[in-house]
Every structure is written in C-alpha cells, then in structure tokens.
C-alpha cells in the first residue's frame, strides 16, 4: 500500500507542476476558460496556478517529510473540490467534472495513506 500511495503522489506531483505552469504561463485557452466559461478573472487563474505549483512542491518534499505530503494533498483536495464545483456550476456536467473528481480521489488516497504511515512511525 505504501508504494501505491507513493506512485500516486508522484503522478499528482507531475500533473500539478504541469497544470500550474500552464496557468502561470498565461496560456490563452486557460485564460479564456477562466474568464468566459467559469466567470473568473485572470488574477484568480494565477492564484490557482501558484497554489498548484506549491502543492506539487509539497508533494515532492513529501517524499522525505510525510507532513508536507499530507498538507499538499489537503491543498489539492480543496483545489479539486473547487474545480468540480466550478465545472458543475458552469453547466458542463459530470463528464467534464470527472477528471478533477478523480484527482480529488487520488489526493485523498495520498492524504489518508500518508497520515496512516505517519501515525505508524510516531
């Protein structure tokens, strides 16, 4: 189980480095989606990008310090809950909201898996 959590943690780290960088680079499709579809400003897109990069860094540090992985996965859970809500509120349905929901579930696996391993070491 420990290795499954670690593999998921690594996958989430890569995904959030990529998606955070995509938002921070000012990708036109991201800006258009945030503004026109979801009704958020460009500033919010940059805030989400920074939070995703911070979460990815936390997951990276979490390979050596489990408390960082727990905090980073909790941040991802919050971000993805917001993403699911945003997609559903925009009327895109669960077919579009399913990817953020799956990432939320993966983050929950890391969160609870790392908490379990953390308490076993204490």
PDB file of N, CA and C in Angstrom:
ATOM      1  N   UNK A   1       0.822  -1.195   0.000  1.00  0.00           N
ATOM      2  CA  UNK A   1       0.000   0.000   0.000  1.00  0.00           C
ATOM      3  C   UNK A   1       0.868   1.262   0.000  1.00  0.00           C
ATOM      4  N   UNK A   2       2.001   1.170   0.701  1.00  0.00           N
ATOM      5  CA  UNK A   2       2.883   2.328   0.780  1.00  0.00           C
ATOM      6  C   UNK A   2       3.357   2.749  -0.609  1.00  0.00           C
ATOM      7  N   UNK A   3       3.692   1.785  -1.452  1.00  0.00           N
ATOM      8  CA  UNK A   3       4.198   2.111  -2.790  1.00  0.00           C
ATOM      9  C   UNK A   3       3.113   2.634  -3.706  1.00  0.00           C
ATOM     10  N   UNK A   4       1.895   2.163  -3.511  1.00  0.00           N
ATOM     11  CA  UNK A   4       0.780   2.688  -4.298  1.00  0.00           C
ATOM     12  C   UNK A   4       0.579   4.168  -3.979  1.00  0.00           C
ATOM     13  N   UNK A   5       0.622   4.499  -2.696  1.00  0.00           N
ATOM     14  CA  UNK A   5       0.484   5.899  -2.276  1.00  0.00           C
ATOM     15  C   UNK A   5       1.618   6.734  -2.858  1.00  0.00           C
ATOM     16  N   UNK A   6       2.833   6.205  -2.820  1.00  0.00           N
ATOM     17  CA  UNK A   6       3.990   6.941  -3.350  1.00  0.00           C
ATOM     18  C   UNK A   6       3.879   7.156  -4.865  1.00  0.00           C
ATOM     19  N   UNK A   7       3.412   6.152  -5.587  1.00  0.00           N
ATOM     20  CA  UNK A   7       3.257   6.279  -7.040  1.00  0.00           C
ATOM     21  C   UNK A   7       2.198   7.329  -7.365  1.00  0.00           C
ATOM     22  N   UNK A   8       1.074   7.275  -6.663  1.00  0.00           N
ATOM     23  CA  UNK A   8       0.021   8.268  -6.880  1.00  0.00           C
ATOM     24  C   UNK A   8       0.537   9.659  -6.516  1.00  0.00           C
ATOM     25  N   UNK A   9       1.305   9.750  -5.446  1.00  0.00           N
ATOM     26  CA  UNK A   9       1.892  11.026  -5.046  1.00  0.00           C
ATOM     27  C   UNK A   9       2.795  11.577  -6.145  1.00  0.00           C
ATOM     28  N   UNK A  10       3.604  10.728  -6.748  1.00  0.00           N
ATOM     29  CA  UNK A  10       4.474  11.155  -7.843  1.00  0.00           C
ATOM     30  C   UNK A  10       3.691  11.597  -9.065  1.00  0.00           C
ATOM     31  N   UNK A  11       2.637  10.865  -9.403  1.00  0.00           N
ATOM     32  CA  UNK A  11       1.802  11.248 -10.544  1.00  0.00           C
ATOM     33  C   UNK A  11       1.128  12.598 -10.300  1.00  0.00           C
ATOM     34  N   UNK A  12       0.587  12.778  -9.096  1.00  0.00           N
ATOM     35  CA  UNK A  12      -0.036  14.058  -8.773  1.00  0.00           C
ATOM     36  C   UNK A  12       0.975  15.194  -8.838  1.00  0.00           C
ATOM     37  N   UNK A  13       2.188  14.937  -8.382  1.00  0.00           N
ATOM     38  CA  UNK A  13       3.232  15.958  -8.409  1.00  0.00           C
ATOM     39  C   UNK A  13       3.493  16.414  -9.842  1.00  0.00           C
ATOM     40  N   UNK A  14       3.631  15.480 -10.755  1.00  0.00           N
ATOM     41  CA  UNK A  14       3.889  15.817 -12.156  1.00  0.00           C
ATOM     42  C   UNK A  14       2.700  16.566 -12.750  1.00  0.00           C
ATOM     43  N   UNK A  15       1.496  16.081 -12.487  1.00  0.00           N
ATOM     44  CA  UNK A  15       0.290  16.717 -13.028  1.00  0.00           C
ATOM     45  C   UNK A  15       0.189  18.161 -12.546  1.00  0.00           C
ATOM     46  N   UNK A  16       0.449  18.396 -11.269  1.00  0.00           N
ATOM     47  CA  UNK A  16       0.270  19.749 -10.741  1.00  0.00           C
ATOM     48  C   UNK A  16       1.409  20.684 -11.101  1.00  0.00           C
ATOM     49  N   UNK A  17       2.598  20.158 -11.330  1.00  0.00           N
ATOM     50  CA  UNK A  17       3.646  21.010 -11.887  1.00  0.00           C
ATOM     51  C   UNK A  17       3.239  21.478 -13.286  1.00  0.00           C
ATOM     52  N   UNK A  18       2.712  20.542 -14.087  1.00  0.00           N
ATOM     53  CA  UNK A  18       2.327  20.887 -15.457  1.00  0.00           C
ATOM     54  C   UNK A  18       1.140  21.840 -15.496  1.00  0.00           C
ATOM     55  N   UNK A  19       0.076  21.532 -14.756  1.00  0.00           N
ATOM     56  CA  UNK A  19      -1.111  22.392 -14.816  1.00  0.00           C
ATOM     57  C   UNK A  19      -0.849  23.757 -14.173  1.00  0.00           C
ATOM     58  N   UNK A  20      -0.061  23.785 -13.122  1.00  0.00           N
ATOM     59  CA  UNK A  20       0.288  25.064 -12.502  1.00  0.00           C
ATOM     60  C   UNK A  20       1.116  25.926 -13.434  1.00  0.00           C
ATOM     61  N   UNK A  21       2.082  25.301 -14.103  1.00  0.00           N
ATOM     62  CA  UNK A  21       2.905  26.047 -15.059  1.00  0.00           C
ATOM     63  C   UNK A  21       2.060  26.551 -16.221  1.00  0.00           C
ATOM     64  N   UNK A  22       1.107  25.745 -16.663  1.00  0.00           N
ATOM     65  CA  UNK A  22       0.223  26.140 -17.757  1.00  0.00           C
ATOM     66  C   UNK A  22      -0.577  27.392 -17.387  1.00  0.00           C
ATOM     67  N   UNK A  23      -1.059  27.436 -16.167  1.00  0.00           N
ATOM     68  CA  UNK A  23      -1.814  28.607 -15.724  1.00  0.00           C
ATOM     69  C   UNK A  23      -0.896  29.820 -15.533  1.00  0.00           C
ATOM     70  N   UNK A  24       0.272  29.613 -14.953  1.00  0.00           N
ATOM     71  CA  UNK A  24       1.188  30.728 -14.700  1.00  0.00           C
ATOM     72  C   UNK A  24       1.801  31.290 -15.977  1.00  0.00           C
ATOM     73  N   UNK A  25       1.863  30.474 -17.028  1.00  0.00           N
ATOM     74  CA  UNK A  25       2.425  30.962 -18.284  1.00  0.00           C
ATOM     75  C   UNK A  25       1.437  31.840 -19.057  1.00  0.00           C
ATOM     76  N   UNK A  26       0.204  31.919 -18.566  1.00  0.00           N
ATOM     77  CA  UNK A  26      -0.791  32.756 -19.233  1.00  0.00           C
ATOM     78  C   UNK A  26      -1.322  32.138 -20.501  1.00  0.00           C
ATOM     79  N   UNK A  27      -1.460  30.825 -20.518  1.00  0.00           N
ATOM     80  CA  UNK A  27      -1.976  30.119 -21.688  1.00  0.00           C
ATOM     81  C   UNK A  27      -3.330  30.710 -22.101  1.00  0.00           C
ATOM     82  N   UNK A  28      -3.473  31.084 -23.374  1.00  0.00           N
ATOM     83  CA  UNK A  28      -4.722  31.726 -23.817  1.00  0.00           C
ATOM     84  C   UNK A  28      -5.966  30.866 -23.620  1.00  0.00           C
ATOM     85  N   UNK A  29      -5.851  29.554 -23.785  1.00  0.00           N
ATOM     86  CA  UNK A  29      -7.032  28.707 -23.591  1.00  0.00           C
ATOM     87  C   UNK A  29      -7.435  28.671 -22.123  1.00  0.00           C
ATOM     88  N   UNK A  30      -6.442  28.699 -21.225  1.00  0.00           N
ATOM     89  CA  UNK A  30      -6.748  28.751 -19.795  1.00  0.00           C
ATOM     90  C   UNK A  30      -7.422  30.072 -19.443  1.00  0.00           C
ATOM     91  N   UNK A  31      -6.862  31.167 -19.957  1.00  0.00           N
ATOM     92  CA  UNK A  31      -7.447  32.482 -19.682  1.00  0.00           C
ATOM     93  C   UNK A  31      -8.877  32.558 -20.202  1.00  0.00           C
ATOM     94  N   UNK A  32      -9.099  32.052 -21.412  1.00  0.00           N
ATOM     95  CA  UNK A  32     -10.436  32.087 -21.999  1.00  0.00           C
ATOM     96  C   UNK A  32     -11.409  31.249 -21.163  1.00  0.00           C
ATOM     97  N   UNK A  33     -10.977  30.063 -20.740  1.00  0.00           N
ATOM     98  CA  UNK A  33     -11.850  29.205 -19.934  1.00  0.00           C
ATOM     99  C   UNK A  33     -12.177  29.862 -18.600  1.00  0.00           C
ATOM    100  N   UNK A  34     -11.181  30.422 -17.937  1.00  0.00           N
ATOM    101  CA  UNK A  34     -11.425  31.062 -16.638  1.00  0.00           C
ATOM    102  C   UNK A  34     -12.365  32.250 -16.775  1.00  0.00           C
ATOM    103  N   UNK A  35     -12.192  33.036 -17.833  1.00  0.00           N
ATOM    104  CA  UNK A  35     -12.989  34.259 -17.986  1.00  0.00           C
ATOM    105  C   UNK A  35     -14.369  33.984 -18.564  1.00  0.00           C
ATOM    106  N   UNK A  36     -14.419  33.309 -19.702  1.00  0.00           N
ATOM    107  CA  UNK A  36     -15.678  33.182 -20.433  1.00  0.00           C
ATOM    108  C   UNK A  36     -16.568  32.052 -19.928  1.00  0.00           C
ATOM    109  N   UNK A  37     -15.977  30.918 -19.609  1.00  0.00           N
ATOM    110  CA  UNK A  37     -16.791  29.767 -19.214  1.00  0.00           C
ATOM    111  C   UNK A  37     -17.114  29.806 -17.725  1.00  0.00           C
ATOM    112  N   UNK A  38     -16.090  30.077 -16.893  1.00  0.00           N
ATOM    113  CA  UNK A  38     -16.275  29.982 -15.452  1.00  0.00           C
ATOM    114  C   UNK A  38     -16.582  31.320 -14.789  1.00  0.00           C
ATOM    115  N   UNK A  39     -16.302  32.428 -15.477  1.00  0.00           N
ATOM    116  CA  UNK A  39     -16.608  33.734 -14.929  1.00  0.00           C
ATOM    117  C   UNK A  39     -15.607  34.254 -13.913  1.00  0.00           C
ATOM    118  N   UNK A  40     -14.392  33.722 -13.931  1.00  0.00           N
ATOM    119  CA  UNK A  40     -13.341  34.185 -13.024  1.00  0.00           C
ATOM    120  C   UNK A  40     -12.387  35.102 -13.781  1.00  0.00           C
ATOM    121  N   UNK A  41     -11.684  35.948 -13.055  1.00  0.00           N
ATOM    122  CA  UNK A  41     -10.707  36.827 -13.672  1.00  0.00           C
ATOM    123  C   UNK A  41      -9.370  36.134 -13.869  1.00  0.00           C
ATOM    124  N   UNK A  42      -8.492  36.792 -14.610  1.00  0.00           N
ATOM    125  CA  UNK A  42      -7.162  36.239 -14.866  1.00  0.00           C
ATOM    126  C   UNK A  42      -6.356  36.135 -13.581  1.00  0.00           C
ATOM    127  N   UNK A  43      -6.591  37.047 -12.648  1.00  0.00           N
ATOM    128  CA  UNK A  43      -5.878  37.004 -11.377  1.00  0.00           C
ATOM    129  C   UNK A  43      -6.140  35.722 -10.619  1.00  0.00           C
ATOM    130  N   UNK A  44      -7.387  35.256 -10.672  1.00  0.00           N
ATOM    131  CA  UNK A  44      -7.732  34.010  -9.998  1.00  0.00           C
ATOM    132  C   UNK A  44      -7.013  32.820 -10.637  1.00  0.00           C
ATOM    133  N   UNK A  45      -6.868  32.867 -11.949  1.00  0.00           N
ATOM    134  CA  UNK A  45      -6.144  31.813 -12.651  1.00  0.00           C
ATOM    135  C   UNK A  45      -4.701  31.733 -12.148  1.00  0.00           C
ATOM    136  N   UNK A  46      -4.068  32.901 -11.957  1.00  0.00           N
ATOM    137  CA  UNK A  46      -2.691  32.914 -11.472  1.00  0.00           C
ATOM    138  C   UNK A  46      -2.596  32.426 -10.023  1.00  0.00           C
ATOM    139  N   UNK A  47      -3.591  32.760  -9.212  1.00  0.00           N
ATOM    140  CA  UNK A  47      -3.614  32.270  -7.830  1.00  0.00           C
ATOM    141  C   UNK A  47      -3.713  30.751  -7.815  1.00  0.00           C
ATOM    142  N   UNK A  48      -4.590  30.206  -8.636  1.00  0.00           N
ATOM    143  CA  UNK A  48      -4.733  28.745  -8.709  1.00  0.00           C
ATOM    144  C   UNK A  48      -3.433  28.123  -9.215  1.00  0.00           C
ATOM    145  N   UNK A  49      -2.785  28.752 -10.197  1.00  0.00           N
ATOM    146  CA  UNK A  49      -1.513  28.245 -10.704  1.00  0.00           C
ATOM    147  C   UNK A  49      -0.441  28.216  -9.632  1.00  0.00           C
ATOM    148  N   UNK A  50      -0.358  29.264  -8.834  1.00  0.00           N
ATOM    149  CA  UNK A  50       0.622  29.304  -7.739  1.00  0.00           C
ATOM    150  C   UNK A  50       0.315  28.220  -6.719  1.00  0.00           C
ATOM    151  N   UNK A  51      -0.957  28.057  -6.372  1.00  0.00           N
ATOM    152  CA  UNK A  51      -1.335  27.019  -5.411  1.00  0.00           C
ATOM    153  C   UNK A  51      -1.014  25.624  -5.939  1.00  0.00           C
ATOM    154  N   UNK A  52      -1.207  25.416  -7.228  1.00  0.00           N
ATOM    155  CA  UNK A  52      -0.882  24.105  -7.806  1.00  0.00           C
ATOM    156  C   UNK A  52       0.622  23.845  -7.792  1.00  0.00           C
ATOM    157  N   UNK A  53       1.426  24.854  -8.084  1.00  0.00           N
ATOM    158  CA  UNK A  53       2.883  24.689  -8.017  1.00  0.00           C
ATOM    159  C   UNK A  53       3.317  24.427  -6.578  1.00  0.00           C
ATOM    160  N   UNK A  54       2.735  25.154  -5.628  1.00  0.00           N
ATOM    161  CA  UNK A  54       3.065  24.927  -4.217  1.00  0.00           C
ATOM    162  C   UNK A  54       2.671  23.516  -3.783  1.00  0.00           C
ATOM    163  N   UNK A  55       1.521  23.048  -4.246  1.00  0.00           N
ATOM    164  CA  UNK A  55       1.093  21.685  -3.922  1.00  0.00           C
ATOM    165  C   UNK A  55       2.060  20.662  -4.511  1.00  0.00           C
ATOM    166  N   UNK A  56       2.504  20.898  -5.745  1.00  0.00           N
ATOM    167  CA  UNK A  56       3.466  19.980  -6.377  1.00  0.00           C
ATOM    168  C   UNK A  56       4.785  19.967  -5.604  1.00  0.00           C
ATOM    169  N   UNK A  57       5.254  21.143  -5.190  1.00  0.00           N
ATOM    170  CA  UNK A  57       6.480  21.203  -4.390  1.00  0.00           C
ATOM    171  C   UNK A  57       6.302  20.493  -3.053  1.00  0.00           C
ATOM    172  N   UNK A  58       5.132  20.670  -2.443  1.00  0.00           N
ATOM    173  CA  UNK A  58       4.840  19.972  -1.192  1.00  0.00           C
ATOM    174  C   UNK A  58       4.833  18.468  -1.357  1.00  0.00           C
ATOM    175  N   UNK A  59       4.304  17.992  -2.479  1.00  0.00           N
ATOM    176  CA  UNK A  59       4.325  16.552  -2.739  1.00  0.00           C
ATOM    177  C   UNK A  59       5.749  16.054  -2.956  1.00  0.00           C
ATOM    178  N   UNK A  60       6.572  16.867  -3.610  1.00  0.00           N
ATOM    179  CA  UNK A  60       7.972  16.499  -3.815  1.00  0.00           C
ATOM    180  C   UNK A  60       8.701  16.401  -2.478  1.00  0.00           C
ATOM    181  N   UNK A  61       8.567  17.427  -1.650  1.00  0.00           N
ATOM    182  CA  UNK A  61       9.199  17.401  -0.327  1.00  0.00           C
ATOM    183  C   UNK A  61       8.610  16.281   0.521  1.00  0.00           C
ATOM    184  N   UNK A  62       7.352  15.951   0.254  1.00  0.00           N
ATOM    185  CA  UNK A  62       6.665  14.897   0.997  1.00  0.00           C
ATOM    186  C   UNK A  62       7.264  13.520   0.852  1.00  0.00           C
ATOM    187  N   UNK A  63       8.116  13.311  -0.148  1.00  0.00           N
ATOM    188  CA  UNK A  63       8.797  12.020  -0.242  1.00  0.00           C
ATOM    189  C   UNK A  63       9.783  11.837   0.906  1.00  0.00           C
ATOM    190  N   UNK A  64      10.251  12.927   1.484  1.00  0.00           N
ATOM    191  CA  UNK A  64      11.189  12.870   2.606  1.00  0.00           C
ATOM    192  C   UNK A  64      10.547  13.261   3.925  1.00  0.00           C
ATOM    193  N   UNK A  65       9.491  14.048   3.865  1.00  0.00           N
ATOM    194  CA  UNK A  65       8.800  14.508   5.068  1.00  0.00           C
ATOM    195  C   UNK A  65       7.302  14.345   4.841  1.00  0.00           C
ATOM    196  N   UNK A  66       6.718  13.351   5.450  1.00  0.00           N
ATOM    197  CA  UNK A  66       5.319  12.999   5.189  1.00  0.00           C
ATOM    198  C   UNK A  66       4.341  14.117   5.516  1.00  0.00           C
ATOM    199  N   UNK A  67       4.687  14.973   6.473  1.00  0.00           N
ATOM    200  CA  UNK A  67       3.764  16.062   6.833  1.00  0.00           C
ATOM    201  C   UNK A  67       3.550  17.015   5.661  1.00  0.00           C
ATOM    202  N   UNK A  68       4.573  17.199   4.839  1.00  0.00           N
ATOM    203  CA  UNK A  68       4.430  18.039   3.647  1.00  0.00           C
ATOM    204  C   UNK A  68       3.483  17.390   2.646  1.00  0.00           C
ATOM    205  N   UNK A  69       3.580  16.081   2.494  1.00  0.00           N
ATOM    206  CA  UNK A  69       2.688  15.370   1.568  1.00  0.00           C
ATOM    207  C   UNK A  69       1.247  15.455   2.048  1.00  0.00           C
ATOM    208  N   UNK A  70       1.049  15.368   3.351  1.00  0.00           N
ATOM    209  CA  UNK A  70      -0.303  15.473   3.912  1.00  0.00           C
ATOM    210  C   UNK A  70      -0.871  16.860   3.647  1.00  0.00           C
ATOM    211  N   UNK A  71      -0.074  17.895   3.908  1.00  0.00           N
ATOM    212  CA  UNK A  71      -0.543  19.268   3.690  1.00  0.00           C
ATOM    213  C   UNK A  71      -0.796  19.540   2.209  1.00  0.00           C
ATOM    214  N   UNK A  72       0.117  19.078   1.344  1.00  0.00           N
ATOM    215  CA  UNK A  72      -0.038  19.313  -0.096  1.00  0.00           C
ATOM    216  C   UNK A  72      -1.256  18.585  -0.648  1.00  0.00           C
ATOM    217  N   UNK A  73      -1.478  17.362  -0.206  1.00  0.00           N
ATOM    218  CA  UNK A  73      -2.644  16.626  -0.701  1.00  0.00           C
ATOM    219  C   UNK A  73      -3.936  17.250  -0.179  1.00  0.00           C
ATOM    220  N   UNK A  74      -3.918  17.821   1.026  1.00  0.00           N
ATOM    221  CA  UNK A  74      -5.093  18.529   1.532  1.00  0.00           C
ATOM    222  C   UNK A  74      -5.377  19.763   0.670  1.00  0.00           C
ATOM    223  N   UNK A  75      -4.323  20.465   0.276  1.00  0.00           N
ATOM    224  CA  UNK A  75      -4.490  21.616  -0.612  1.00  0.00           C
ATOM    225  C   UNK A  75      -5.079  21.188  -1.952  1.00  0.00           C
ATOM    226  N   UNK A  76      -4.616  20.081  -2.482  1.00  0.00           N
ATOM    227  CA  UNK A  76      -5.146  19.580  -3.753  1.00  0.00           C
ATOM    228  C   UNK A  76      -6.617  19.196  -3.616  1.00  0.00           C
ATOM    229  N   UNK A  77      -6.977  18.612  -2.492  1.00  0.00           N
ATOM    230  CA  UNK A  77      -8.381  18.254  -2.269  1.00  0.00           C
ATOM    231  C   UNK A  77      -9.255  19.505  -2.316  1.00  0.00           C
ATOM    232  N   UNK A  78      -8.796  20.574  -1.685  1.00  0.00           N
ATOM    233  CA  UNK A  78      -9.561  21.832  -1.689  1.00  0.00           C
ATOM    234  C   UNK A  78      -9.646  22.406  -3.103  1.00  0.00           C
ATOM    235  N   UNK A  79      -8.516  22.424  -3.816  1.00  0.00           N
ATOM    236  CA  UNK A  79      -8.497  22.956  -5.178  1.00  0.00           C
ATOM    237  C   UNK A  79      -9.425  22.147  -6.081  1.00  0.00           C
ATOM    238  N   UNK A  80      -9.363  20.838  -5.983  1.00  0.00           N
ATOM    239  CA  UNK A  80     -10.172  19.994  -6.856  1.00  0.00           C
ATOM    240  C   UNK A  80     -11.648  20.018  -6.486  1.00  0.00           C
ATOM    241  N   UNK A  81     -11.962  20.198  -5.213  1.00  0.00           N
ATOM    242  CA  UNK A  81     -13.369  20.371  -4.829  1.00  0.00           C
ATOM    243  C   UNK A  81     -13.907  21.643  -5.478  1.00  0.00           C
ATOM    244  N   UNK A  82     -13.103  22.693  -5.481  1.00  0.00           N
ATOM    245  CA  UNK A  82     -13.490  23.926  -6.159  1.00  0.00           C
ATOM    246  C   UNK A  82     -13.628  23.742  -7.653  1.00  0.00           C
ATOM    247  N   UNK A  83     -12.738  22.947  -8.241  1.00  0.00           N
ATOM    248  CA  UNK A  83     -12.805  22.699  -9.684  1.00  0.00           C
ATOM    249  C   UNK A  83     -14.067  21.914 -10.052  1.00  0.00           C
ATOM    250  N   UNK A  84     -14.386  20.903  -9.263  1.00  0.00           N
ATOM    251  CA  UNK A  84     -15.602  20.127  -9.523  1.00  0.00           C
ATOM    252  C   UNK A  84     -16.820  21.040  -9.420  1.00  0.00           C
ATOM    253  N   UNK A  85     -16.885  21.835  -8.362  1.00  0.00           N
ATOM    254  CA  UNK A  85     -17.992  22.770  -8.185  1.00  0.00           C
ATOM    255  C   UNK A  85     -18.083  23.754  -9.349  1.00  0.00           C
ATOM    256  N   UNK A  86     -16.934  24.272  -9.774  1.00  0.00           N
ATOM    257  CA  UNK A  86     -16.912  25.237 -10.876  1.00  0.00           C
ATOM    258  C   UNK A  86     -17.426  24.625 -12.172  1.00  0.00           C
ATOM    259  N   UNK A  87     -16.975  23.420 -12.488  1.00  0.00           N
ATOM    260  CA  UNK A  87     -17.444  22.753 -13.717  1.00  0.00           C
ATOM    261  C   UNK A  87     -18.944  22.490 -13.659  1.00  0.00           C
ATOM    262  N   UNK A  88     -19.424  22.025 -12.518  1.00  0.00           N
ATOM    263  CA  UNK A  88     -20.853  21.738 -12.401  1.00  0.00           C
ATOM    264  C   UNK A  88     -21.678  23.019 -12.440  1.00  0.00           C
ATOM    265  N   UNK A  89     -21.186  24.073 -11.790  1.00  0.00           N
ATOM    266  CA  UNK A  89     -21.906  25.343 -11.795  1.00  0.00           C
ATOM    267  C   UNK A  89     -21.953  25.954 -13.200  1.00  0.00           C
ATOM    268  N   UNK A  90     -20.914  25.709 -13.999  1.00  0.00           N
ATOM    269  CA  UNK A  90     -20.882  26.232 -15.366  1.00  0.00           C
ATOM    270  C   UNK A  90     -21.774  25.416 -16.301  1.00  0.00           C
ATOM    271  N   UNK A  91     -22.391  24.376 -15.770  1.00  0.00           N
ATOM    272  CA  UNK A  91     -23.298  23.570 -16.573  1.00  0.00           C
ATOM    273  C   UNK A  91     -22.609  22.572 -17.476  1.00  0.00           C
ATOM    274  N   UNK A  92     -21.362  22.227 -17.159  1.00  0.00           N
ATOM    275  CA  UNK A  92     -20.613  21.301 -18.016  1.00  0.00           C
ATOM    276  C   UNK A  92     -20.896  19.842 -17.705  1.00  0.00           C
ATOM    277  N   UNK A  93     -21.563  19.579 -16.612  1.00  0.00           N
ATOM    278  CA  UNK A  93     -21.925  18.212 -16.271  1.00  0.00           C
ATOM    279  C   UNK A  93     -20.773  17.432 -15.664  1.00  0.00           C
ATOM    280  N   UNK A  94     -21.121  16.236 -15.206  1.00  0.00           N
ATOM    281  CA  UNK A  94     -20.122  15.432 -14.515  1.00  0.00           C
ATOM    282  C   UNK A  94     -19.100  14.823 -15.471  1.00  0.00           C
ATOM    283  N   UNK A  95     -19.416  14.750 -16.740  1.00  0.00           N
ATOM    284  CA  UNK A  95     -18.440  14.194 -17.688  1.00  0.00           C
ATOM    285  C   UNK A  95     -17.184  15.063 -17.735  1.00  0.00           C
ATOM    286  N   UNK A  96     -17.340  16.378 -17.626  1.00  0.00           N
ATOM    287  CA  UNK A  96     -16.189  17.278 -17.598  1.00  0.00           C
ATOM    288  C   UNK A  96     -15.610  17.352 -16.191  1.00  0.00           C
ATOM    289  N   UNK A  97     -16.475  17.302 -15.176  1.00  0.00           N
ATOM    290  CA  UNK A  97     -16.030  17.405 -13.790  1.00  0.00           C
ATOM    291  C   UNK A  97     -15.427  16.104 -13.276  1.00  0.00           C
ATOM    292  N   UNK A  98     -15.486  15.042 -14.062  1.00  0.00           N
ATOM    293  CA  UNK A  98     -14.994  13.749 -13.580  1.00  0.00           C
ATOM    294  C   UNK A  98     -13.464  13.724 -13.411  1.00  0.00           C
ATOM    295  N   UNK A  99     -12.717  14.416 -14.283  1.00  0.00           N
ATOM    296  CA  UNK A  99     -11.255  14.413 -14.146  1.00  0.00           C
ATOM    297  C   UNK A  99     -10.814  15.092 -12.860  1.00  0.00           C
ATOM    298  N   UNK A 100     -11.314  16.309 -12.543  1.00  0.00           N
ATOM    299  CA  UNK A 100     -10.949  16.880 -11.241  1.00  0.00           C
ATOM    300  C   UNK A 100     -11.419  16.021 -10.073  1.00  0.00           C
ATOM    301  N   UNK A 101     -12.553  15.342 -10.238  1.00  0.00           N
ATOM    302  CA  UNK A 101     -13.041  14.474  -9.165  1.00  0.00           C
ATOM    303  C   UNK A 101     -12.096  13.287  -8.956  1.00  0.00           C
ATOM    304  N   UNK A 102     -11.599  12.713 -10.035  1.00  0.00           N
ATOM    305  CA  UNK A 102     -10.637  11.601  -9.924  1.00  0.00           C
ATOM    306  C   UNK A 102      -9.353  12.086  -9.261  1.00  0.00           C
ATOM    307  N   UNK A 103      -8.880  13.281  -9.631  1.00  0.00           N
ATOM    308  CA  UNK A 103      -7.693  13.837  -8.980  1.00  0.00           C
ATOM    309  C   UNK A 103      -7.946  14.097  -7.505  1.00  0.00           C
ATOM    310  N   UNK A 104      -9.155  14.518  -7.165  1.00  0.00           N
ATOM    311  CA  UNK A 104      -9.522  14.693  -5.763  1.00  0.00           C
ATOM    312  C   UNK A 104      -9.435  13.363  -5.021  1.00  0.00           C
ATOM    313  N   UNK A 105      -9.938  12.305  -5.638  1.00  0.00           N
ATOM    314  CA  UNK A 105      -9.866  10.985  -5.009  1.00  0.00           C
ATOM    315  C   UNK A 105      -8.418  10.521  -4.846  1.00  0.00           C
ATOM    316  N   UNK A 106      -7.589  10.756  -5.857  1.00  0.00           N
ATOM    317  CA  UNK A 106      -6.168  10.404  -5.753  1.00  0.00           C
ATOM    318  C   UNK A 106      -5.494  11.179  -4.621  1.00  0.00           C
ATOM    319  N   UNK A 107      -5.823  12.459  -4.499  1.00  0.00           N
ATOM    320  CA  UNK A 107      -5.258  13.268  -3.415  1.00  0.00           C
ATOM    321  C   UNK A 107      -5.728  12.753  -2.061  1.00  0.00           C
ATOM    322  N   UNK A 108      -6.969  12.280  -1.989  1.00  0.00           N
ATOM    323  CA  UNK A 108      -7.476  11.700  -0.740  1.00  0.00           C
ATOM    324  C   UNK A 108      -6.723  10.416  -0.389  1.00  0.00           C
ATOM    325  N   UNK A 109      -6.374   9.628  -1.406  1.00  0.00           N
ATOM    326  CA  UNK A 109      -5.580   8.418  -1.155  1.00  0.00           C
ATOM    327  C   UNK A 109      -4.229   8.791  -0.564  1.00  0.00           C
ATOM    328  N   UNK A 110      -3.591   9.812  -1.134  1.00  0.00           N
ATOM    329  CA  UNK A 110      -2.296  10.258  -0.607  1.00  0.00           C
ATOM    330  C   UNK A 110      -2.474  10.822   0.801  1.00  0.00           C
ATOM    331  N   UNK A 111      -3.489  11.647   0.993  1.00  0.00           N
ATOM    332  CA  UNK A 111      -3.728  12.264   2.303  1.00  0.00           C
ATOM    333  C   UNK A 111      -3.896  11.201   3.384  1.00  0.00           C
ATOM    334  N   UNK A 112      -4.837  10.283   3.180  1.00  0.00           N
ATOM    335  CA  UNK A 112      -5.106   9.281   4.212  1.00  0.00           C
ATOM    336  C   UNK A 112      -4.002   8.231   4.279  1.00  0.00           C
ATOM    337  N   UNK A 113      -3.396   7.904   3.142  1.00  0.00           N
ATOM    338  CA  UNK A 113      -2.288   6.950   3.155  1.00  0.00           C
ATOM    339  C   UNK A 113      -1.082   7.489   3.898  1.00  0.00           C
ATOM    340  N   UNK A 114      -0.721   8.732   3.655  1.00  0.00           N
ATOM    341  CA  UNK A 114       0.422   9.328   4.350  1.00  0.00           C
ATOM    342  C   UNK A 114       0.119   9.546   5.830  1.00  0.00           C
ATOM    343  N   UNK A 115      -1.122   9.890   6.159  1.00  0.00           N
ATOM    344  CA  UNK A 115      -1.492  10.032   7.569  1.00  0.00           C
ATOM    345  C   UNK A 115      -1.359   8.690   8.280  1.00  0.00           C
ATOM    346  N   UNK A 116      -1.764   7.641   7.604  1.00  0.00           N
ATOM    347  CA  UNK A 116      -1.682   6.304   8.202  1.00  0.00           C
ATOM    348  C   UNK A 116      -0.226   5.915   8.435  1.00  0.00           C
ATOM    349  N   UNK A 117       0.618   6.160   7.422  1.00  0.00           N
ATOM    350  CA  UNK A 117       2.029   5.820   7.574  1.00  0.00           C
ATOM    351  C   UNK A 117       2.691   6.718   8.600  1.00  0.00           C
ATOM    352  N   UNK A 118       2.254   7.979   8.680  1.00  0.00           N
ATOM    353  CA  UNK A 118       2.819   8.941   9.624  1.00  0.00           C
ATOM    354  C   UNK A 118       2.535   8.513  11.058  1.00  0.00           C
ATOM    355  N   UNK A 119       1.293   8.044  11.343  1.00  0.00           N
ATOM    356  CA  UNK A 119       0.965   7.635  12.699  1.00  0.00           C
ATOM    357  C   UNK A 119       1.640   6.325  13.064  1.00  0.00           C
ATOM    358  N   UNK A 120       1.939   5.484  12.088  1.00  0.00           N
ATOM    359  CA  UNK A 120       2.635   4.236  12.372  1.00  0.00           C
ATOM    360  C   UNK A 120       4.078   4.489  12.798  1.00  0.00           C
ATOM    361  N   UNK A 121       4.671   5.585  12.322  1.00  0.00           N
ATOM    362  CA  UNK A 121       6.051   5.901  12.669  1.00  0.00           C
ATOM    363  C   UNK A 121       6.148   6.598  14.021  1.00  0.00           C
ATOM    364  N   UNK A 122       5.075   7.280  14.441  1.00  0.00           N
ATOM    365  CA  UNK A 122       5.125   8.030  15.705  1.00  0.00           C
ATOM    366  C   UNK A 122       5.072   7.123  16.912  1.00  0.00           C
TER     367      UNK A 122
END
